[in-house]
Amino acid sequence: MMYSASQLLEKVNAYIKHMPYSHEPRKLYDPIEYELSLGGKRIRPVLMLMAYNMYKEDVDSILPQAVGLETYHNHTLLHDDVMDKADMRRGKPTVHNVWSENAAILSGDAMLILSYQLMADCPNEKLKEVLEVFTRTTMEICEGQQWDMEFETRSDVTVNEYVEMIRLKTSVLLAAALKIGAYLANSPEEDANQLYEFGQKMGLAFQLQDDYLDVYGDPKVFGKNIGGDILCNKKTYMLITALSQANEKQRVELNKWLTMYEYIPEEKIAAVTRIYDELEIGDQCQRMIDTYYAQGLEILNDLSLPNEKKETLKAFVCSLMNRKV
């Protein structure tokens, strides 16, 4: 049986809902339960289950590992919110605002440990390769976060550096979800590696699309206000490319907005977007998205499985990119 994305999501949410958080002290476990209850698309555990389901039907058997990956992902979000001093997460107050920064840090640490416990609850013959992928991925995400923080104070970030940063911070966890799912299903090594590469390409496309939509998206569809990256001077593909291609007049204006402490938000968004339009940054970003997306689909198409086994994964990824299969 091939499960749909919505069926797999239901399984993940049901497993999370029934996880035992009855331990003391409550102020350690309540923030974990709260963070995981905020929902989201659960993309990573669904991808793991999909990869497994391409080879085997008993997807329930790897729910601990799938939820372990989701617990780890939420651990990173909890700590990111502390570092970013974010007030809201998925429309609700962040953990450090409900409890405290110290509580968020400690509960986040506990989530990391819980994620390893869940990941390690797999067949002994798979433990080494599963933990190798998971551990390497968790370190790479730390590296990506560090690069992201360093980029905040640099004005010379290149597109290649940015792509490597988002590969580490975003793509590798999607790739790991697919590879671990394949490993647990006893797939051929080559298939697991191809699924990993597919996840990396699609992760890059996802993040670049986020960059694009932050400037050109519809707030009702995008799910958040447009221009947030512009207002906080975030080093996205859009800004990095604009800085590298701007003429003298455009560069002066960009730097004026980047160094201005007091401004009307709508004016800053409009001014920076106008420069992006002049330089056709949106079109360049879209072409890059299309390239990674096409590369990912090519890798998936080459996977040595019947097409019907790959359709659910392909449709899920296409839906996330708002494209037709």
C-alpha atoms as a PDB file:
ATOM      1  CA  MET A   1       0.000   0.000   0.000  1.00  0.00           C
ATOM      2  CA  MET A   2       1.220   3.467  -0.905  1.00  0.00           C
ATOM      3  CA  TYR A   3       0.095   6.045   1.667  1.00  0.00           C
ATOM      4  CA  SER A   4      -0.823   9.605   0.706  1.00  0.00           C
ATOM      5  CA  ALA A   5       0.917  12.620   2.233  1.00  0.00           C
ATOM      6  CA  SER A   6      -2.180  13.434   4.299  1.00  0.00           C
ATOM      7  CA  GLN A   7      -2.382   9.868   5.660  1.00  0.00           C
ATOM      8  CA  LEU A   8       1.284   9.984   6.689  1.00  0.00           C
ATOM      9  CA  LEU A   9       0.800  13.394   8.284  1.00  0.00           C
ATOM     10  CA  GLU A  10      -2.089  11.992  10.344  1.00  0.00           C
ATOM     11  CA  LYS A  11       0.136   9.174  11.568  1.00  0.00           C
ATOM     12  CA  VAL A  12       2.893  11.605  12.595  1.00  0.00           C
ATOM     13  CA  ASN A  13       0.501  13.940  14.405  1.00  0.00           C
ATOM     14  CA  ALA A  14      -1.186  11.045  16.205  1.00  0.00           C
ATOM     15  CA  TYR A  15       2.181   9.705  17.370  1.00  0.00           C
ATOM     16  CA  ILE A  16       3.267  13.135  18.621  1.00  0.00           C
ATOM     17  CA  LYS A  17      -0.060  13.665  20.386  1.00  0.00           C
ATOM     18  CA  HIS A  18       0.333  10.450  22.349  1.00  0.00           C
ATOM     19  CA  MET A  19       3.976  10.855  23.307  1.00  0.00           C
ATOM     20  CA  PRO A  20       4.343  10.654  27.104  1.00  0.00           C
ATOM     21  CA  TYR A  21       5.280  13.941  28.755  1.00  0.00           C
ATOM     22  CA  SER A  22       4.247  13.016  32.275  1.00  0.00           C
ATOM     23  CA  HIS A  23       7.715  13.449  33.726  1.00  0.00           C
ATOM     24  CA  GLU A  24       8.743  15.925  36.362  1.00  0.00           C
ATOM     25  CA  PRO A  25       9.815  18.670  36.426  1.00  0.00           C
ATOM     26  CA  ARG A  26       6.899  19.991  34.407  1.00  0.00           C
ATOM     27  CA  LYS A  27       8.725  23.199  33.462  1.00  0.00           C
ATOM     28  CA  LEU A  28      11.227  21.117  31.482  1.00  0.00           C
ATOM     29  CA  TYR A  29       8.657  19.016  29.601  1.00  0.00           C
ATOM     30  CA  ASP A  30       5.766  21.467  29.180  1.00  0.00           C
ATOM     31  CA  PRO A  31       7.755  23.692  26.761  1.00  0.00           C
ATOM     32  CA  ILE A  32       8.606  20.595  24.666  1.00  0.00           C
ATOM     33  CA  GLU A  33       4.964  19.575  24.461  1.00  0.00           C
ATOM     34  CA  TYR A  34       4.018  23.165  23.641  1.00  0.00           C
ATOM     35  CA  GLU A  35       6.612  23.511  20.860  1.00  0.00           C
ATOM     36  CA  LEU A  36       5.588  20.230  19.227  1.00  0.00           C
ATOM     37  CA  SER A  37       1.893  21.132  19.526  1.00  0.00           C
ATOM     38  CA  LEU A  38       2.341  24.230  17.350  1.00  0.00           C
ATOM     39  CA  GLY A  39       1.913  22.004  14.304  1.00  0.00           C
ATOM     40  CA  GLY A  40       3.361  22.818  10.909  1.00  0.00           C
ATOM     41  CA  LYS A  41       3.551  20.767   7.745  1.00  0.00           C
ATOM     42  CA  ARG A  42       5.755  18.055   9.343  1.00  0.00           C
ATOM     43  CA  ILE A  43       7.602  17.908   6.014  1.00  0.00           C
ATOM     44  CA  ARG A  44      10.638  16.027   7.330  1.00  0.00           C
ATOM     45  CA  PRO A  45       8.898  13.078   9.023  1.00  0.00           C
ATOM     46  CA  VAL A  46       6.492  12.776   6.087  1.00  0.00           C
ATOM     47  CA  LEU A  47       9.458  12.625   3.695  1.00  0.00           C
ATOM     48  CA  MET A  48      11.077   9.896   5.801  1.00  0.00           C
ATOM     49  CA  LEU A  49       7.893   7.839   5.772  1.00  0.00           C
ATOM     50  CA  MET A  50       7.476   8.377   2.024  1.00  0.00           C
ATOM     51  CA  ALA A  51      11.005   7.196   1.293  1.00  0.00           C
ATOM     52  CA  TYR A  52      10.402   4.098   3.440  1.00  0.00           C
ATOM     53  CA  ASN A  53       7.014   3.475   1.805  1.00  0.00           C
ATOM     54  CA  MET A  54       8.602   3.291  -1.646  1.00  0.00           C
ATOM     55  CA  TYR A  55      10.164  -0.012  -0.521  1.00  0.00           C
ATOM     56  CA  LYS A  56       7.986  -1.263   2.350  1.00  0.00           C
ATOM     57  CA  GLU A  57       4.405  -0.885   3.570  1.00  0.00           C
ATOM     58  CA  ASP A  58       4.750  -1.064   7.374  1.00  0.00           C
ATOM     59  CA  VAL A  59       5.406   2.672   7.816  1.00  0.00           C
ATOM     60  CA  ASP A  60       4.196   2.605  11.433  1.00  0.00           C
ATOM     61  CA  SER A  61       7.361   0.702  12.358  1.00  0.00           C
ATOM     62  CA  ILE A  62       9.546   3.782  11.746  1.00  0.00           C
ATOM     63  CA  LEU A  63       7.303   6.402  13.362  1.00  0.00           C
ATOM     64  CA  PRO A  64       9.756   6.746  16.297  1.00  0.00           C
ATOM     65  CA  GLN A  65      12.539   7.752  13.891  1.00  0.00           C
ATOM     66  CA  ALA A  66      10.256  10.052  11.893  1.00  0.00           C
ATOM     67  CA  VAL A  67       9.074  11.811  15.052  1.00  0.00           C
ATOM     68  CA  GLY A  68      12.655  11.866  16.320  1.00  0.00           C
ATOM     69  CA  LEU A  69      13.572  13.904  13.258  1.00  0.00           C
ATOM     70  CA  GLU A  70      10.619  16.237  13.826  1.00  0.00           C
ATOM     71  CA  THR A  71      11.595  16.629  17.489  1.00  0.00           C
ATOM     72  CA  TYR A  72      15.118  17.541  16.408  1.00  0.00           C
ATOM     73  CA  HIS A  73      13.803  20.057  13.851  1.00  0.00           C
ATOM     74  CA  ASN A  74      11.670  21.717  16.514  1.00  0.00           C
ATOM     75  CA  HIS A  75      14.668  21.798  18.845  1.00  0.00           C
ATOM     76  CA  THR A  76      16.458  23.922  16.238  1.00  0.00           C
ATOM     77  CA  LEU A  77      13.427  26.213  15.887  1.00  0.00           C
ATOM     78  CA  LEU A  78      13.194  26.676  19.643  1.00  0.00           C
ATOM     79  CA  HIS A  79      16.853  27.691  19.876  1.00  0.00           C
ATOM     80  CA  ASP A  80      16.624  29.807  16.695  1.00  0.00           C
ATOM     81  CA  ASP A  81      13.775  31.764  18.289  1.00  0.00           C
ATOM     82  CA  VAL A  82      15.961  32.512  21.311  1.00  0.00           C
ATOM     83  CA  MET A  83      18.874  33.642  19.105  1.00  0.00           C
ATOM     84  CA  ASP A  84      16.594  35.718  16.872  1.00  0.00           C
ATOM     85  CA  LYS A  85      14.605  37.069  19.832  1.00  0.00           C
ATOM     86  CA  ALA A  86      11.472  36.079  17.906  1.00  0.00           C
ATOM     87  CA  ASP A  87       8.117  36.794  19.522  1.00  0.00           C
ATOM     88  CA  MET A  88       5.922  34.436  17.522  1.00  0.00           C
ATOM     89  CA  ARG A  89       6.171  30.952  16.035  1.00  0.00           C
ATOM     90  CA  ARG A  90       3.320  29.662  13.839  1.00  0.00           C
ATOM     91  CA  GLY A  91       1.024  32.351  15.180  1.00  0.00           C
ATOM     92  CA  LYS A  92       1.669  31.568  18.860  1.00  0.00           C
ATOM     93  CA  PRO A  93       4.070  33.127  21.414  1.00  0.00           C
ATOM     94  CA  THR A  94       7.507  31.550  21.357  1.00  0.00           C
ATOM     95  CA  VAL A  95       8.647  29.305  24.213  1.00  0.00           C
ATOM     96  CA  HIS A  96      11.049  31.877  25.665  1.00  0.00           C
ATOM     97  CA  ASN A  97       8.177  34.387  25.831  1.00  0.00           C
ATOM     98  CA  VAL A  98       5.803  31.946  27.527  1.00  0.00           C
ATOM     99  CA  TRP A  99       8.435  30.658  29.984  1.00  0.00           C
ATOM    100  CA  SER A 100      11.953  32.187  29.827  1.00  0.00           C
ATOM    101  CA  GLU A 101      15.117  32.104  27.733  1.00  0.00           C
ATOM    102  CA  ASN A 102      16.747  29.730  30.199  1.00  0.00           C
ATOM    103  CA  ALA A 103      13.751  27.397  30.023  1.00  0.00           C
ATOM    104  CA  ALA A 104      13.834  27.490  26.217  1.00  0.00           C
ATOM    105  CA  ILE A 105      17.537  26.641  26.119  1.00  0.00           C
ATOM    106  CA  LEU A 106      17.221  23.754  28.575  1.00  0.00           C
ATOM    107  CA  SER A 107      14.027  22.327  27.046  1.00  0.00           C
ATOM    108  CA  GLY A 108      15.656  22.647  23.624  1.00  0.00           C
ATOM    109  CA  ASP A 109      18.621  20.625  24.893  1.00  0.00           C
ATOM    110  CA  ALA A 110      16.213  17.990  26.205  1.00  0.00           C
ATOM    111  CA  MET A 111      14.525  17.841  22.787  1.00  0.00           C
ATOM    112  CA  LEU A 112      17.883  17.108  21.175  1.00  0.00           C
ATOM    113  CA  ILE A 113      18.424  14.198  23.587  1.00  0.00           C
ATOM    114  CA  LEU A 114      14.889  12.914  23.028  1.00  0.00           C
ATOM    115  CA  SER A 115      15.415  13.034  19.265  1.00  0.00           C
ATOM    116  CA  TYR A 116      18.471  10.787  19.614  1.00  0.00           C
ATOM    117  CA  GLN A 117      16.550   8.376  21.842  1.00  0.00           C
ATOM    118  CA  LEU A 118      13.797   8.095  19.241  1.00  0.00           C
ATOM    119  CA  MET A 119      16.251   7.794  16.345  1.00  0.00           C
ATOM    120  CA  ALA A 120      18.197   5.057  18.126  1.00  0.00           C
ATOM    121  CA  ASP A 121      15.010   3.027  18.672  1.00  0.00           C
ATOM    122  CA  CYS A 122      15.532   1.272  15.352  1.00  0.00           C
ATOM    123  CA  PRO A 123      16.695  -2.249  14.418  1.00  0.00           C
ATOM    124  CA  ASN A 124      20.242  -2.897  15.668  1.00  0.00           C
ATOM    125  CA  GLU A 125      21.523  -3.724  12.203  1.00  0.00           C
ATOM    126  CA  LYS A 126      20.495  -0.227  11.023  1.00  0.00           C
ATOM    127  CA  LEU A 127      21.641   1.727  14.073  1.00  0.00           C
ATOM    128  CA  LYS A 128      25.153   2.598  12.898  1.00  0.00           C
ATOM    129  CA  GLU A 129      24.235   3.946   9.460  1.00  0.00           C
ATOM    130  CA  VAL A 130      21.137   5.766  10.733  1.00  0.00           C
ATOM    131  CA  LEU A 131      23.034   7.517  13.528  1.00  0.00           C
ATOM    132  CA  GLU A 132      25.917   8.349  11.203  1.00  0.00           C
ATOM    133  CA  VAL A 133      23.586  10.225   8.862  1.00  0.00           C
ATOM    134  CA  PHE A 134      21.671  11.858  11.706  1.00  0.00           C
ATOM    135  CA  THR A 135      24.779  12.960  13.617  1.00  0.00           C
ATOM    136  CA  ARG A 136      26.513  14.358  10.539  1.00  0.00           C
ATOM    137  CA  THR A 137      23.330  16.249   9.673  1.00  0.00           C
ATOM    138  CA  THR A 138      22.938  17.779  13.131  1.00  0.00           C
ATOM    139  CA  MET A 139      26.540  19.058  12.994  1.00  0.00           C
ATOM    140  CA  GLU A 140      26.054  20.463   9.496  1.00  0.00           C
ATOM    141  CA  ILE A 141      22.964  22.358  10.638  1.00  0.00           C
ATOM    142  CA  CYS A 142      25.020  23.937  13.441  1.00  0.00           C
ATOM    143  CA  GLU A 143      27.603  24.932  10.830  1.00  0.00           C
ATOM    144  CA  GLY A 144      24.883  26.455   8.652  1.00  0.00           C
ATOM    145  CA  GLN A 145      23.467  28.418  11.572  1.00  0.00           C
ATOM    146  CA  GLN A 146      26.921  29.751  12.431  1.00  0.00           C
ATOM    147  CA  TRP A 147      27.479  30.887   8.817  1.00  0.00           C
ATOM    148  CA  ASP A 148      24.048  32.543   8.851  1.00  0.00           C
ATOM    149  CA  MET A 149      24.960  34.488  11.999  1.00  0.00           C
ATOM    150  CA  GLU A 150      28.329  35.533  10.567  1.00  0.00           C
ATOM    151  CA  PHE A 151      26.689  36.717   7.343  1.00  0.00           C
ATOM    152  CA  GLU A 152      24.652  39.231   9.379  1.00  0.00           C
ATOM    153  CA  THR A 153      27.746  41.379   9.922  1.00  0.00           C
ATOM    154  CA  ARG A 154      29.364  40.849   6.512  1.00  0.00           C
ATOM    155  CA  SER A 155      28.755  42.930   3.401  1.00  0.00           C
ATOM    156  CA  ASP A 156      30.786  40.717   1.060  1.00  0.00           C
ATOM    157  CA  VAL A 157      28.783  37.471   1.157  1.00  0.00           C
ATOM    158  CA  THR A 158      28.755  35.739  -2.241  1.00  0.00           C
ATOM    159  CA  VAL A 159      25.921  33.770  -3.805  1.00  0.00           C
ATOM    160  CA  ASN A 160      28.026  30.585  -3.611  1.00  0.00           C
ATOM    161  CA  GLU A 161      28.588  31.124   0.125  1.00  0.00           C
ATOM    162  CA  TYR A 162      24.881  31.729   0.613  1.00  0.00           C
ATOM    163  CA  VAL A 163      23.891  28.581  -1.283  1.00  0.00           C
ATOM    164  CA  GLU A 164      26.295  26.528   0.835  1.00  0.00           C
ATOM    165  CA  MET A 165      24.850  28.080   4.000  1.00  0.00           C
ATOM    166  CA  ILE A 166      21.245  27.215   3.075  1.00  0.00           C
ATOM    167  CA  ARG A 167      22.357  23.739   1.998  1.00  0.00           C
ATOM    168  CA  LEU A 168      23.717  23.180   5.497  1.00  0.00           C
ATOM    169  CA  LYS A 169      20.978  24.962   7.399  1.00  0.00           C
ATOM    170  CA  THR A 170      17.957  23.700   5.452  1.00  0.00           C
ATOM    171  CA  SER A 171      18.625  21.136   2.720  1.00  0.00           C
ATOM    172  CA  VAL A 172      20.607  18.501   4.578  1.00  0.00           C
ATOM    173  CA  LEU A 173      17.778  17.751   7.023  1.00  0.00           C
ATOM    174  CA  LEU A 174      15.335  17.110   4.170  1.00  0.00           C
ATOM    175  CA  ALA A 175      17.979  14.960   2.494  1.00  0.00           C
ATOM    176  CA  ALA A 176      18.665  13.051   5.722  1.00  0.00           C
ATOM    177  CA  ALA A 177      14.940  12.360   6.195  1.00  0.00           C
ATOM    178  CA  LEU A 178      14.826  10.629   2.820  1.00  0.00           C
ATOM    179  CA  LYS A 179      18.105   8.763   3.250  1.00  0.00           C
ATOM    180  CA  ILE A 180      17.255   7.455   6.728  1.00  0.00           C
ATOM    181  CA  GLY A 181      13.830   6.342   5.499  1.00  0.00           C
ATOM    182  CA  ALA A 182      15.499   4.466   2.631  1.00  0.00           C
ATOM    183  CA  TYR A 183      18.094   2.892   4.936  1.00  0.00           C
ATOM    184  CA  LEU A 184      15.397   1.677   7.332  1.00  0.00           C
ATOM    185  CA  ALA A 185      13.576   0.088   4.378  1.00  0.00           C
ATOM    186  CA  ASN A 186      16.725  -1.795   3.306  1.00  0.00           C
ATOM    187  CA  SER A 187      16.912   0.079   0.001  1.00  0.00           C
ATOM    188  CA  PRO A 188      19.997  -0.292  -2.191  1.00  0.00           C
ATOM    189  CA  GLU A 189      22.809   2.054  -1.113  1.00  0.00           C
ATOM    190  CA  GLU A 190      22.687   3.826  -4.476  1.00  0.00           C
ATOM    191  CA  ASP A 191      18.979   4.585  -4.017  1.00  0.00           C
ATOM    192  CA  ALA A 192      19.585   6.028  -0.550  1.00  0.00           C
ATOM    193  CA  ASN A 193      22.327   8.268  -1.941  1.00  0.00           C
ATOM    194  CA  GLN A 194      20.152   9.396  -4.853  1.00  0.00           C
ATOM    195  CA  LEU A 195      17.294  10.248  -2.504  1.00  0.00           C
ATOM    196  CA  TYR A 196      19.738  12.256  -0.406  1.00  0.00           C
ATOM    197  CA  GLU A 197      20.828  14.258  -3.463  1.00  0.00           C
ATOM    198  CA  PHE A 198      17.193  14.735  -4.472  1.00  0.00           C
ATOM    199  CA  GLY A 199      16.459  16.136  -0.998  1.00  0.00           C
ATOM    200  CA  GLN A 200      19.399  18.529  -1.197  1.00  0.00           C
ATOM    201  CA  LYS A 201      18.340  19.949  -4.561  1.00  0.00           C
ATOM    202  CA  MET A 202      14.739  20.371  -3.482  1.00  0.00           C
ATOM    203  CA  GLY A 203      15.808  21.947  -0.193  1.00  0.00           C
ATOM    204  CA  LEU A 204      17.779  24.581  -2.097  1.00  0.00           C
ATOM    205  CA  ALA A 205      14.777  25.226  -4.342  1.00  0.00           C
ATOM    206  CA  PHE A 206      12.482  25.551  -1.289  1.00  0.00           C
ATOM    207  CA  GLN A 207      14.718  28.082   0.463  1.00  0.00           C
ATOM    208  CA  LEU A 208      15.301  30.174  -2.640  1.00  0.00           C
ATOM    209  CA  GLN A 209      11.549  30.190  -3.229  1.00  0.00           C
ATOM    210  CA  ASP A 210      11.117  31.484   0.334  1.00  0.00           C
ATOM    211  CA  ASP A 211      13.550  34.295  -0.496  1.00  0.00           C
ATOM    212  CA  TYR A 212      11.568  35.107  -3.628  1.00  0.00           C
ATOM    213  CA  LEU A 213       8.148  34.949  -1.967  1.00  0.00           C
ATOM    214  CA  ASP A 214       9.260  37.218   0.880  1.00  0.00           C
ATOM    215  CA  VAL A 215       9.520  39.963  -1.754  1.00  0.00           C
ATOM    216  CA  TYR A 216       7.012  38.981  -4.430  1.00  0.00           C
ATOM    217  CA  GLY A 217       4.577  36.623  -2.714  1.00  0.00           C
ATOM    218  CA  ASP A 218       0.930  37.068  -1.825  1.00  0.00           C
ATOM    219  CA  PRO A 219       0.738  37.446   1.990  1.00  0.00           C
ATOM    220  CA  LYS A 220      -2.513  35.428   2.093  1.00  0.00           C
ATOM    221  CA  VAL A 221      -0.833  32.520   0.288  1.00  0.00           C
ATOM    222  CA  PHE A 222       2.665  32.931   1.733  1.00  0.00           C
ATOM    223  CA  GLY A 223       1.323  32.894   5.294  1.00  0.00           C
ATOM    224  CA  LYS A 224       3.266  35.894   6.544  1.00  0.00           C
ATOM    225  CA  ASN A 225       3.808  39.537   5.740  1.00  0.00           C
ATOM    226  CA  ILE A 226       5.847  40.423   2.692  1.00  0.00           C
ATOM    227  CA  GLY A 227       9.170  42.207   3.088  1.00  0.00           C
ATOM    228  CA  GLY A 228      10.264  40.787   6.426  1.00  0.00           C
ATOM    229  CA  ASP A 229      13.713  39.879   5.077  1.00  0.00           C
ATOM    230  CA  ILE A 230      14.118  43.389   3.673  1.00  0.00           C
ATOM    231  CA  LEU A 231      13.209  45.031   6.972  1.00  0.00           C
ATOM    232  CA  CYS A 232      15.772  43.018   8.959  1.00  0.00           C
ATOM    233  CA  ASN A 233      18.512  43.285   6.281  1.00  0.00           C
ATOM    234  CA  LYS A 234      18.633  39.489   5.985  1.00  0.00           C
ATOM    235  CA  LYS A 235      21.328  38.276   3.607  1.00  0.00           C
ATOM    236  CA  THR A 236      19.122  36.422   1.155  1.00  0.00           C
ATOM    237  CA  TYR A 237      19.839  35.500  -2.447  1.00  0.00           C
ATOM    238  CA  MET A 238      17.886  38.629  -3.421  1.00  0.00           C
ATOM    239  CA  LEU A 239      19.959  41.099  -1.387  1.00  0.00           C
ATOM    240  CA  ILE A 240      23.333  39.431  -2.045  1.00  0.00           C
ATOM    241  CA  THR A 241      22.727  39.413  -5.799  1.00  0.00           C
ATOM    242  CA  ALA A 242      21.486  43.010  -5.780  1.00  0.00           C
ATOM    243  CA  LEU A 243      24.562  44.210  -3.900  1.00  0.00           C
ATOM    244  CA  SER A 244      26.862  42.434  -6.348  1.00  0.00           C
ATOM    245  CA  GLN A 245      25.104  43.754  -9.482  1.00  0.00           C
ATOM    246  CA  ALA A 246      24.005  47.261  -8.443  1.00  0.00           C
ATOM    247  CA  ASN A 247      25.424  50.321 -10.165  1.00  0.00           C
ATOM    248  CA  GLU A 248      26.840  53.144  -8.075  1.00  0.00           C
ATOM    249  CA  LYS A 249      23.512  54.924  -7.620  1.00  0.00           C
ATOM    250  CA  GLN A 250      21.669  51.718  -6.702  1.00  0.00           C
ATOM    251  CA  ARG A 251      24.426  50.632  -4.316  1.00  0.00           C
ATOM    252  CA  VAL A 252      24.353  53.964  -2.509  1.00  0.00           C
ATOM    253  CA  GLU A 253      20.586  53.728  -2.082  1.00  0.00           C
ATOM    254  CA  LEU A 254      20.735  50.099  -0.918  1.00  0.00           C
ATOM    255  CA  ASN A 255      23.418  50.908   1.648  1.00  0.00           C
ATOM    256  CA  LYS A 256      21.394  53.901   2.827  1.00  0.00           C
ATOM    257  CA  TRP A 257      18.433  51.627   3.636  1.00  0.00           C
ATOM    258  CA  LEU A 258      20.695  48.926   5.117  1.00  0.00           C
ATOM    259  CA  THR A 259      22.243  51.374   7.590  1.00  0.00           C
ATOM    260  CA  MET A 260      19.135  53.402   8.436  1.00  0.00           C
ATOM    261  CA  TYR A 261      17.862  52.870  11.974  1.00  0.00           C
ATOM    262  CA  GLU A 262      14.602  54.806  11.711  1.00  0.00           C
ATOM    263  CA  TYR A 263      12.348  54.473   8.695  1.00  0.00           C
ATOM    264  CA  ILE A 264       8.793  53.804   7.576  1.00  0.00           C
ATOM    265  CA  PRO A 265       8.684  50.038   6.862  1.00  0.00           C
ATOM    266  CA  GLU A 266       6.517  50.360   3.749  1.00  0.00           C
ATOM    267  CA  GLU A 267       8.933  52.905   2.269  1.00  0.00           C
ATOM    268  CA  LYS A 268      11.971  50.685   2.823  1.00  0.00           C
ATOM    269  CA  ILE A 269      10.243  47.636   1.324  1.00  0.00           C
ATOM    270  CA  ALA A 270       9.104  49.638  -1.704  1.00  0.00           C
ATOM    271  CA  ALA A 271      12.533  51.226  -2.280  1.00  0.00           C
ATOM    272  CA  VAL A 272      14.518  47.987  -2.030  1.00  0.00           C
ATOM    273  CA  THR A 273      11.966  46.089  -4.142  1.00  0.00           C
ATOM    274  CA  ARG A 274      12.232  48.779  -6.816  1.00  0.00           C
ATOM    275  CA  ILE A 275      15.990  48.175  -7.030  1.00  0.00           C
ATOM    276  CA  TYR A 276      15.372  44.419  -7.239  1.00  0.00           C
ATOM    277  CA  ASP A 277      12.958  45.105 -10.112  1.00  0.00           C
ATOM    278  CA  GLU A 278      15.483  47.306 -11.925  1.00  0.00           C
ATOM    279  CA  LEU A 279      18.119  44.567 -11.679  1.00  0.00           C
ATOM    280  CA  GLU A 280      15.616  41.778 -12.489  1.00  0.00           C
ATOM    281  CA  ILE A 281      16.654  39.963  -9.307  1.00  0.00           C
ATOM    282  CA  GLY A 282      13.314  38.154  -9.107  1.00  0.00           C
ATOM    283  CA  ASP A 283      13.783  36.659 -12.560  1.00  0.00           C
ATOM    284  CA  GLN A 284      17.323  35.551 -11.718  1.00  0.00           C
ATOM    285  CA  CYS A 285      16.121  33.923  -8.488  1.00  0.00           C
ATOM    286  CA  GLN A 286      13.292  32.174 -10.331  1.00  0.00           C
ATOM    287  CA  ARG A 287      15.747  30.746 -12.875  1.00  0.00           C
ATOM    288  CA  MET A 288      17.904  29.398 -10.044  1.00  0.00           C
ATOM    289  CA  ILE A 289      14.863  27.833  -8.383  1.00  0.00           C
ATOM    290  CA  ASP A 290      13.875  26.220 -11.673  1.00  0.00           C
ATOM    291  CA  THR A 291      17.396  24.825 -12.110  1.00  0.00           C
ATOM    292  CA  TYR A 292      17.536  23.129  -8.697  1.00  0.00           C
ATOM    293  CA  TYR A 293      13.962  21.905  -9.075  1.00  0.00           C
ATOM    294  CA  ALA A 294      14.693  20.348 -12.471  1.00  0.00           C
ATOM    295  CA  GLN A 295      17.908  18.758 -11.179  1.00  0.00           C
ATOM    296  CA  GLY A 296      15.984  17.244  -8.271  1.00  0.00           C
ATOM    297  CA  LEU A 297      13.278  15.778 -10.490  1.00  0.00           C
ATOM    298  CA  GLU A 298      15.908  14.339 -12.809  1.00  0.00           C
ATOM    299  CA  ILE A 299      17.562  12.551  -9.881  1.00  0.00           C
ATOM    300  CA  LEU A 300      14.179  11.182  -8.744  1.00  0.00           C
ATOM    301  CA  ASN A 301      13.286  10.069 -12.267  1.00  0.00           C
ATOM    302  CA  ASP A 302      16.583   8.154 -12.468  1.00  0.00           C
ATOM    303  CA  LEU A 303      15.841   6.256  -9.243  1.00  0.00           C
ATOM    304  CA  SER A 304      15.666   2.519  -9.966  1.00  0.00           C
ATOM    305  CA  LEU A 305      12.025   2.077  -8.939  1.00  0.00           C
ATOM    306  CA  PRO A 306       8.795   1.825 -10.950  1.00  0.00           C
ATOM    307  CA  ASN A 307       7.291   5.266 -11.581  1.00  0.00           C
ATOM    308  CA  GLU A 308       4.180   4.468  -9.552  1.00  0.00           C
ATOM    309  CA  LYS A 309       6.395   4.012  -6.476  1.00  0.00           C
ATOM    310  CA  LYS A 310       7.778   7.539  -6.929  1.00  0.00           C
ATOM    311  CA  GLU A 311       4.549   9.381  -7.714  1.00  0.00           C
ATOM    312  CA  THR A 312       3.529  10.174  -4.120  1.00  0.00           C
ATOM    313  CA  LEU A 313       6.918  11.695  -3.307  1.00  0.00           C
ATOM    314  CA  LYS A 314       7.012  13.636  -6.571  1.00  0.00           C
ATOM    315  CA  ALA A 315       3.456  14.949  -6.067  1.00  0.00           C
ATOM    316  CA  PHE A 316       4.234  15.972  -2.462  1.00  0.00           C
ATOM    317  CA  VAL A 317       7.328  17.928  -3.426  1.00  0.00           C
ATOM    318  CA  CYS A 318       5.555  19.529  -6.388  1.00  0.00           C
ATOM    319  CA  SER A 319       2.707  20.616  -4.109  1.00  0.00           C
ATOM    320  CA  LEU A 320       5.204  22.268  -1.744  1.00  0.00           C
ATOM    321  CA  MET A 321       6.613  24.167  -4.724  1.00  0.00           C
ATOM    322  CA  ASN A 322       3.099  24.942  -6.018  1.00  0.00           C
ATOM    323  CA  ARG A 323       3.807  23.171  -9.303  1.00  0.00           C
ATOM    324  CA  LYS A 324       2.087  20.514 -11.343  1.00  0.00           C
ATOM    325  CA  VAL A 325       3.656  17.059 -11.527  1.00  0.00           C
END
